[in-house]
Amino acid sequence: MTARRRMLQKTEPVIFGGEIIDALDKNQPASIGFQLEQKHEVTMKALDSLPDVIGIVNDIVGIWKIREDTNRSVTLIDKEIDKLRAHTEDFVKREMTRRDTSLSRGDKVQSLLRDLYSQINHLEASDDLKMKLIDAFDSAVKVALEEK
């Protein structure tokens, strides 16, 4: 017995049904008194375990709350992942376009350098004409680099 049960006054179990039957009534069969005592003990044990049952129910409710919070967090994380994936794909596309543009600009400059080199080496002209070719090359390179 727990301390609480010891503090309670000892009551005599009674079944109400039509007429009052007392557990200690000498005229009753012994089995009825025994049944009443068993029911009283079961009821007292159930009352003793009630705080434990309430604690278990509180734990279960807490677990359900944690599960719902976790599911909500997972949903938010999934949305954030989708946003980051979209931003990453956009960044990669922009970066690839920029690099392709840079490569095409580099190819243009390289082509112009080849042309200039071949013109200057194979051209039998004065130095003034060669200087004009280099100036034209300089302006062509600026135009090629400014294109977007």
N, C-alpha and C. Protein backbone atom coordinates (compact mmCIF):
# COMPACT_ATOMS: atom_id res chain seq x y z
N MET A 1 0.83 -1.19 0.00
CA MET A 1 0.00 0.00 0.00
C MET A 1 0.87 1.24 0.00
N THR A 2 0.38 2.25 -0.67
CA THR A 2 1.11 3.51 -0.70
C THR A 2 0.74 4.34 0.52
N ALA A 3 1.50 5.39 0.74
CA ALA A 3 1.26 6.25 1.90
C ALA A 3 -0.12 6.91 1.81
N ARG A 4 -0.52 7.24 0.61
CA ARG A 4 -1.83 7.88 0.43
C ARG A 4 -2.95 6.93 0.83
N ARG A 5 -2.84 5.70 0.39
CA ARG A 5 -3.88 4.73 0.74
C ARG A 5 -3.92 4.47 2.24
N ARG A 6 -2.77 4.52 2.89
CA ARG A 6 -2.74 4.30 4.33
C ARG A 6 -3.42 5.44 5.08
N MET A 7 -3.34 6.66 4.47
CA MET A 7 -3.95 7.82 5.11
C MET A 7 -5.48 7.81 5.01
N LEU A 8 -6.00 7.18 3.98
CA LEU A 8 -7.45 7.15 3.80
C LEU A 8 -8.10 6.30 4.89
N GLN A 9 -9.28 6.68 5.25
CA GLN A 9 -10.00 5.89 6.24
C GLN A 9 -10.45 4.59 5.62
N LYS A 10 -10.44 3.60 6.39
CA LYS A 10 -10.90 2.29 5.93
C LYS A 10 -12.42 2.33 5.88
N THR A 11 -12.95 2.13 4.69
CA THR A 11 -14.40 2.09 4.55
C THR A 11 -14.81 0.67 4.21
N GLU A 12 -15.98 0.40 4.54
CA GLU A 12 -16.46 -0.94 4.26
C GLU A 12 -17.12 -0.93 2.89
N PRO A 13 -16.76 -1.85 2.02
CA PRO A 13 -17.35 -1.89 0.69
C PRO A 13 -18.83 -2.25 0.76
N VAL A 14 -19.59 -1.54 -0.05
CA VAL A 14 -21.03 -1.76 -0.06
C VAL A 14 -21.50 -1.78 -1.51
N ILE A 15 -22.38 -2.71 -1.85
CA ILE A 15 -22.99 -2.76 -3.17
C ILE A 15 -24.40 -2.25 -3.03
N PHE A 16 -24.74 -1.30 -3.89
CA PHE A 16 -26.09 -0.75 -3.86
C PHE A 16 -26.89 -1.38 -4.98
N GLY A 17 -27.98 -1.96 -4.66
CA GLY A 17 -28.84 -2.55 -5.67
C GLY A 17 -30.15 -2.96 -5.02
N GLY A 18 -31.12 -2.11 -5.11
CA GLY A 18 -32.41 -2.44 -4.51
C GLY A 18 -32.36 -2.23 -3.02
N GLU A 19 -31.68 -3.06 -2.34
CA GLU A 19 -31.53 -2.92 -0.89
C GLU A 19 -30.05 -2.80 -0.58
N ILE A 20 -29.71 -2.24 0.50
CA ILE A 20 -28.32 -2.03 0.88
C ILE A 20 -27.76 -3.34 1.42
N ILE A 21 -26.62 -3.73 0.85
CA ILE A 21 -25.97 -4.95 1.30
C ILE A 21 -24.66 -4.53 1.94
N ASP A 22 -24.45 -4.92 3.14
CA ASP A 22 -23.23 -4.59 3.86
C ASP A 22 -22.28 -5.77 3.76
N ALA A 23 -21.01 -5.45 3.53
CA ALA A 23 -20.04 -6.52 3.36
C ALA A 23 -19.87 -7.33 4.64
N LEU A 24 -20.13 -6.71 5.74
CA LEU A 24 -19.93 -7.41 7.00
C LEU A 24 -21.23 -8.00 7.55
N ASP A 25 -22.24 -7.97 6.75
CA ASP A 25 -23.53 -8.52 7.19
C ASP A 25 -23.39 -10.03 7.33
N LYS A 26 -23.78 -10.53 8.47
CA LYS A 26 -23.62 -11.95 8.75
C LYS A 26 -24.57 -12.81 7.90
N ASN A 27 -25.65 -12.22 7.42
CA ASN A 27 -26.64 -13.00 6.67
C ASN A 27 -26.23 -13.18 5.20
N GLN A 28 -25.23 -12.43 4.71
CA GLN A 28 -24.80 -12.54 3.32
C GLN A 28 -23.91 -13.76 3.13
N PRO A 29 -23.92 -14.27 1.90
CA PRO A 29 -22.96 -15.35 1.63
C PRO A 29 -21.53 -14.79 1.67
N ALA A 30 -20.56 -15.59 2.00
CA ALA A 30 -19.16 -15.17 2.14
C ALA A 30 -18.57 -14.74 0.81
N SER A 31 -19.05 -15.30 -0.29
CA SER A 31 -18.48 -14.96 -1.60
C SER A 31 -18.77 -13.51 -1.99
N ILE A 32 -19.90 -12.98 -1.57
CA ILE A 32 -20.22 -11.58 -1.89
C ILE A 32 -19.27 -10.65 -1.16
N GLY A 33 -19.00 -10.90 0.07
CA GLY A 33 -18.05 -10.08 0.82
C GLY A 33 -16.66 -10.14 0.22
N PHE A 34 -16.25 -11.33 -0.21
CA PHE A 34 -14.94 -11.50 -0.83
C PHE A 34 -14.87 -10.71 -2.14
N GLN A 35 -15.93 -10.76 -2.94
CA GLN A 35 -15.98 -10.01 -4.20
C GLN A 35 -15.88 -8.51 -3.94
N LEU A 36 -16.57 -8.05 -2.93
CA LEU A 36 -16.52 -6.63 -2.60
C LEU A 36 -15.12 -6.21 -2.20
N GLU A 37 -14.43 -7.03 -1.42
CA GLU A 37 -13.06 -6.70 -1.02
C GLU A 37 -12.14 -6.67 -2.23
N GLN A 38 -12.31 -7.62 -3.15
CA GLN A 38 -11.48 -7.64 -4.35
C GLN A 38 -11.72 -6.39 -5.20
N LYS A 39 -12.98 -6.02 -5.36
CA LYS A 39 -13.29 -4.83 -6.15
C LYS A 39 -12.71 -3.58 -5.50
N HIS A 40 -12.77 -3.53 -4.18
CA HIS A 40 -12.19 -2.39 -3.46
C HIS A 40 -10.68 -2.33 -3.68
N GLU A 41 -10.00 -3.45 -3.60
CA GLU A 41 -8.55 -3.48 -3.81
C GLU A 41 -8.19 -3.08 -5.23
N VAL A 42 -8.94 -3.58 -6.20
CA VAL A 42 -8.68 -3.23 -7.59
C VAL A 42 -8.88 -1.73 -7.81
N THR A 43 -9.95 -1.19 -7.24
CA THR A 43 -10.22 0.24 -7.38
C THR A 43 -9.10 1.06 -6.74
N MET A 44 -8.63 0.66 -5.59
CA MET A 44 -7.56 1.40 -4.91
C MET A 44 -6.26 1.32 -5.70
N LYS A 45 -5.97 0.16 -6.28
CA LYS A 45 -4.74 0.04 -7.09
C LYS A 45 -4.86 0.88 -8.35
N ALA A 46 -6.06 0.93 -8.93
CA ALA A 46 -6.26 1.78 -10.11
C ALA A 46 -6.06 3.25 -9.75
N LEU A 47 -6.57 3.66 -8.59
CA LEU A 47 -6.38 5.04 -8.16
C LEU A 47 -4.91 5.33 -7.88
N ASP A 48 -4.19 4.35 -7.31
CA ASP A 48 -2.76 4.54 -7.06
C ASP A 48 -1.97 4.72 -8.36
N SER A 49 -2.39 4.03 -9.40
CA SER A 49 -1.65 4.10 -10.66
C SER A 49 -2.13 5.24 -11.56
N LEU A 50 -3.16 5.96 -11.16
CA LEU A 50 -3.70 7.05 -11.98
C LEU A 50 -2.66 8.14 -12.30
N PRO A 51 -1.85 8.60 -11.33
CA PRO A 51 -0.83 9.60 -11.68
C PRO A 51 0.16 9.08 -12.72
N ASP A 52 0.50 7.79 -12.64
CA ASP A 52 1.42 7.22 -13.64
C ASP A 52 0.77 7.20 -15.02
N VAL A 53 -0.51 6.85 -15.07
CA VAL A 53 -1.23 6.82 -16.35
C VAL A 53 -1.31 8.23 -16.93
N ILE A 54 -1.59 9.20 -16.09
CA ILE A 54 -1.66 10.59 -16.56
C ILE A 54 -0.29 11.04 -17.07
N GLY A 55 0.77 10.64 -16.38
CA GLY A 55 2.13 10.97 -16.83
C GLY A 55 2.44 10.35 -18.18
N ILE A 56 2.02 9.11 -18.39
CA ILE A 56 2.25 8.44 -19.66
C ILE A 56 1.48 9.15 -20.78
N VAL A 57 0.24 9.51 -20.49
CA VAL A 57 -0.56 10.22 -21.49
C VAL A 57 0.08 11.57 -21.83
N ASN A 58 0.60 12.26 -20.83
CA ASN A 58 1.30 13.53 -21.09
C ASN A 58 2.53 13.30 -21.96
N ASP A 59 3.26 12.22 -21.70
CA ASP A 59 4.43 11.90 -22.52
C ASP A 59 4.03 11.63 -23.97
N ILE A 60 2.93 10.89 -24.16
CA ILE A 60 2.46 10.58 -25.51
C ILE A 60 2.06 11.86 -26.24
N VAL A 61 1.35 12.74 -25.56
CA VAL A 61 0.95 14.01 -26.17
C VAL A 61 2.19 14.83 -26.51
N GLY A 62 3.19 14.81 -25.64
CA GLY A 62 4.44 15.52 -25.93
C GLY A 62 5.14 14.96 -27.16
N ILE A 63 5.12 13.64 -27.29
CA ILE A 63 5.74 13.00 -28.46
C ILE A 63 4.98 13.41 -29.73
N TRP A 64 3.65 13.44 -29.68
CA TRP A 64 2.87 13.85 -30.84
C TRP A 64 3.20 15.30 -31.22
N LYS A 65 3.34 16.15 -30.20
CA LYS A 65 3.66 17.55 -30.47
C LYS A 65 5.04 17.66 -31.14
N ILE A 66 6.00 16.91 -30.62
CA ILE A 66 7.34 16.93 -31.20
C ILE A 66 7.29 16.44 -32.65
N ARG A 67 6.49 15.40 -32.90
CA ARG A 67 6.38 14.87 -34.26
C ARG A 67 5.80 15.92 -35.20
N GLU A 68 4.76 16.62 -34.77
CA GLU A 68 4.16 17.66 -35.60
C GLU A 68 5.13 18.81 -35.84
N ASP A 69 5.86 19.21 -34.79
CA ASP A 69 6.85 20.28 -34.95
C ASP A 69 7.94 19.86 -35.93
N THR A 70 8.36 18.60 -35.82
CA THR A 70 9.40 18.08 -36.70
C THR A 70 8.91 18.04 -38.14
N ASN A 71 7.69 17.58 -38.34
CA ASN A 71 7.14 17.55 -39.70
C ASN A 71 7.05 18.96 -40.28
N ARG A 72 6.65 19.92 -39.46
CA ARG A 72 6.58 21.31 -39.91
C ARG A 72 7.97 21.82 -40.28
N SER A 73 8.96 21.49 -39.46
CA SER A 73 10.34 21.92 -39.74
C SER A 73 10.86 21.28 -41.02
N VAL A 74 10.56 20.00 -41.21
CA VAL A 74 11.00 19.30 -42.43
C VAL A 74 10.38 19.95 -43.66
N THR A 75 9.10 20.32 -43.57
CA THR A 75 8.44 20.99 -44.68
C THR A 75 9.12 22.32 -45.00
N LEU A 76 9.45 23.10 -43.97
CA LEU A 76 10.14 24.38 -44.18
C LEU A 76 11.52 24.16 -44.79
N ILE A 77 12.23 23.14 -44.32
CA ILE A 77 13.56 22.85 -44.84
C ILE A 77 13.46 22.43 -46.30
N ASP A 78 12.46 21.61 -46.64
CA ASP A 78 12.27 21.20 -48.03
C ASP A 78 12.01 22.41 -48.94
N LYS A 79 11.19 23.36 -48.47
CA LYS A 79 10.93 24.56 -49.25
C LYS A 79 12.21 25.37 -49.44
N GLU A 80 13.00 25.47 -48.38
CA GLU A 80 14.25 26.22 -48.45
C GLU A 80 15.23 25.54 -49.41
N ILE A 81 15.25 24.21 -49.39
CA ILE A 81 16.11 23.46 -50.32
C ILE A 81 15.69 23.72 -51.76
N ASP A 82 14.38 23.73 -52.01
CA ASP A 82 13.89 24.01 -53.36
C ASP A 82 14.29 25.40 -53.82
N LYS A 83 14.19 26.40 -52.92
CA LYS A 83 14.61 27.76 -53.26
C LYS A 83 16.09 27.80 -53.60
N LEU A 84 16.91 27.16 -52.74
CA LEU A 84 18.36 27.16 -52.98
C LEU A 84 18.70 26.44 -54.27
N ARG A 85 18.00 25.35 -54.56
CA ARG A 85 18.24 24.63 -55.81
C ARG A 85 17.93 25.53 -57.01
N ALA A 86 16.82 26.26 -56.95
CA ALA A 86 16.45 27.15 -58.06
C ALA A 86 17.48 28.27 -58.22
N HIS A 87 17.92 28.85 -57.08
CA HIS A 87 18.94 29.90 -57.15
C HIS A 87 20.25 29.36 -57.72
N THR A 88 20.61 28.15 -57.31
CA THR A 88 21.85 27.55 -57.79
C THR A 88 21.78 27.30 -59.29
N GLU A 89 20.65 26.75 -59.76
CA GLU A 89 20.51 26.51 -61.19
C GLU A 89 20.57 27.81 -61.98
N ASP A 90 19.94 28.86 -61.47
CA ASP A 90 19.98 30.16 -62.13
C ASP A 90 21.40 30.71 -62.17
N PHE A 91 22.12 30.59 -61.05
CA PHE A 91 23.50 31.07 -60.99
C PHE A 91 24.37 30.31 -61.99
N VAL A 92 24.20 28.99 -62.05
CA VAL A 92 25.02 28.19 -62.96
C VAL A 92 24.75 28.58 -64.41
N LYS A 93 23.47 28.79 -64.75
CA LYS A 93 23.14 29.20 -66.12
C LYS A 93 23.77 30.55 -66.45
N ARG A 94 23.65 31.51 -65.52
CA ARG A 94 24.25 32.83 -65.76
C ARG A 94 25.76 32.73 -65.90
N GLU A 95 26.38 31.93 -65.02
CA GLU A 95 27.84 31.80 -65.04
C GLU A 95 28.31 31.12 -66.32
N MET A 96 27.57 30.11 -66.77
CA MET A 96 27.94 29.44 -68.02
C MET A 96 27.82 30.40 -69.20
N THR A 97 26.77 31.21 -69.20
CA THR A 97 26.60 32.21 -70.26
C THR A 97 27.73 33.22 -70.24
N ARG A 98 28.10 33.67 -69.04
CA ARG A 98 29.19 34.64 -68.91
C ARG A 98 30.50 34.03 -69.40
N ARG A 99 30.75 32.79 -69.02
CA ARG A 99 32.01 32.15 -69.46
C ARG A 99 32.01 31.92 -70.96
N ASP A 100 30.87 31.52 -71.51
CA ASP A 100 30.80 31.35 -72.96
C ASP A 100 31.08 32.67 -73.66
N THR A 101 30.53 33.74 -73.12
CA THR A 101 30.76 35.07 -73.69
C THR A 101 32.23 35.44 -73.59
N SER A 102 32.84 35.14 -72.43
CA SER A 102 34.27 35.44 -72.24
C SER A 102 35.11 34.63 -73.21
N LEU A 103 34.74 33.37 -73.42
CA LEU A 103 35.51 32.53 -74.35
C LEU A 103 35.36 33.05 -75.78
N SER A 104 34.14 33.46 -76.12
CA SER A 104 33.96 33.96 -77.48
C SER A 104 34.73 35.27 -77.68
N ARG A 105 34.79 36.10 -76.66
CA ARG A 105 35.58 37.34 -76.74
C ARG A 105 37.06 37.00 -76.90
N GLY A 106 37.50 36.02 -76.09
CA GLY A 106 38.91 35.61 -76.19
C GLY A 106 39.23 35.04 -77.56
N ASP A 107 38.30 34.27 -78.10
CA ASP A 107 38.50 33.73 -79.44
C ASP A 107 38.60 34.86 -80.47
N LYS A 108 37.76 35.88 -80.31
CA LYS A 108 37.79 37.02 -81.24
C LYS A 108 39.13 37.74 -81.16
N VAL A 109 39.62 37.98 -79.95
CA VAL A 109 40.90 38.67 -79.77
C VAL A 109 42.03 37.82 -80.34
N GLN A 110 41.96 36.51 -80.10
CA GLN A 110 43.01 35.63 -80.62
C GLN A 110 43.00 35.62 -82.16
N SER A 111 41.82 35.62 -82.71
CA SER A 111 41.72 35.66 -84.18
C SER A 111 42.29 36.97 -84.73
N LEU A 112 41.96 38.07 -84.06
CA LEU A 112 42.50 39.36 -84.50
C LEU A 112 44.01 39.41 -84.37
N LEU A 113 44.56 38.83 -83.31
CA LEU A 113 46.02 38.80 -83.15
C LEU A 113 46.68 37.99 -84.26
N ARG A 114 46.08 36.86 -84.61
CA ARG A 114 46.62 36.05 -85.70
C ARG A 114 46.63 36.84 -87.02
N ASP A 115 45.49 37.51 -87.25
CA ASP A 115 45.40 38.30 -88.49
C ASP A 115 46.44 39.41 -88.50
N LEU A 116 46.58 40.10 -87.37
CA LEU A 116 47.56 41.18 -87.29
C LEU A 116 48.97 40.66 -87.51
N TYR A 117 49.29 39.56 -86.87
CA TYR A 117 50.63 39.00 -86.99
C TYR A 117 50.93 38.61 -88.44
N SER A 118 49.93 37.95 -89.06
CA SER A 118 50.18 37.53 -90.45
C SER A 118 50.29 38.74 -91.38
N GLN A 119 49.50 39.77 -91.13
CA GLN A 119 49.55 40.96 -91.97
C GLN A 119 50.88 41.70 -91.82
N ILE A 120 51.32 41.82 -90.59
CA ILE A 120 52.57 42.57 -90.36
C ILE A 120 53.77 41.80 -90.87
N ASN A 121 53.81 40.48 -90.68
CA ASN A 121 54.97 39.70 -91.13
C ASN A 121 55.05 39.59 -92.65
N HIS A 122 53.92 39.45 -93.30
CA HIS A 122 53.94 39.24 -94.74
C HIS A 122 53.77 40.52 -95.54
N LEU A 123 53.55 41.60 -94.86
CA LEU A 123 53.33 42.86 -95.55
C LEU A 123 54.65 43.60 -95.69
N GLU A 124 54.92 43.95 -96.92
CA GLU A 124 56.13 44.75 -97.14
C GLU A 124 55.65 46.18 -97.30
N ALA A 125 55.50 46.81 -96.13
CA ALA A 125 55.01 48.18 -96.14
C ALA A 125 55.85 49.00 -95.19
N SER A 126 55.56 50.28 -95.19
CA SER A 126 56.32 51.19 -94.33
C SER A 126 55.89 51.02 -92.88
N ASP A 127 56.69 51.58 -92.03
CA ASP A 127 56.39 51.50 -90.60
C ASP A 127 55.11 52.27 -90.26
N ASP A 128 54.84 53.35 -91.01
CA ASP A 128 53.61 54.12 -90.75
C ASP A 128 52.38 53.26 -91.02
N LEU A 129 52.42 52.49 -92.09
CA LEU A 129 51.29 51.62 -92.41
C LEU A 129 51.13 50.53 -91.35
N LYS A 130 52.23 49.99 -90.88
CA LYS A 130 52.19 48.97 -89.82
C LYS A 130 51.62 49.57 -88.53
N MET A 131 51.97 50.85 -88.23
CA MET A 131 51.43 51.51 -87.04
C MET A 131 49.92 51.70 -87.18
N LYS A 132 49.47 52.02 -88.39
CA LYS A 132 48.03 52.18 -88.61
C LYS A 132 47.31 50.84 -88.42
N LEU A 133 47.94 49.77 -88.84
CA LEU A 133 47.37 48.43 -88.64
C LEU A 133 47.27 48.11 -87.14
N ILE A 134 48.28 48.44 -86.37
CA ILE A 134 48.26 48.18 -84.93
C ILE A 134 47.19 49.02 -84.25
N ASP A 135 47.03 50.29 -84.67
CA ASP A 135 45.96 51.13 -84.11
C ASP A 135 44.59 50.55 -84.44
N ALA A 136 44.44 50.07 -85.67
CA ALA A 136 43.16 49.45 -86.06
C ALA A 136 42.90 48.19 -85.22
N PHE A 137 43.97 47.46 -84.96
CA PHE A 137 43.84 46.27 -84.12
C PHE A 137 43.41 46.66 -82.71
N ASP A 138 44.01 47.71 -82.19
CA ASP A 138 43.68 48.17 -80.84
C ASP A 138 42.20 48.54 -80.74
N SER A 139 41.70 49.27 -81.70
CA SER A 139 40.28 49.66 -81.66
C SER A 139 39.37 48.43 -81.86
N ALA A 140 39.81 47.48 -82.68
CA ALA A 140 39.01 46.26 -82.90
C ALA A 140 38.94 45.43 -81.61
N VAL A 141 40.04 45.36 -80.88
CA VAL A 141 40.05 44.63 -79.61
C VAL A 141 39.12 45.30 -78.61
N LYS A 142 39.12 46.62 -78.55
CA LYS A 142 38.23 47.35 -77.63
C LYS A 142 36.77 47.07 -77.99
N VAL A 143 36.45 47.08 -79.25
CA VAL A 143 35.07 46.80 -79.68
C VAL A 143 34.68 45.37 -79.30
N ALA A 144 35.57 44.44 -79.52
CA ALA A 144 35.28 43.03 -79.20
C ALA A 144 35.07 42.82 -77.71
N LEU A 145 35.82 43.53 -76.88
CA LEU A 145 35.69 43.37 -75.43
C LEU A 145 34.47 44.08 -74.88
N GLU A 146 34.00 45.12 -75.56
CA GLU A 146 32.83 45.84 -75.10
C GLU A 146 31.51 45.16 -75.47
N GLU A 147 31.52 44.25 -76.41
CA GLU A 147 30.29 43.55 -76.81
C GLU A 147 29.79 42.70 -75.64
N LYS A 148 28.45 42.60 -75.56
CA LYS A 148 27.87 41.80 -74.47
C LYS A 148 27.05 40.69 -75.03
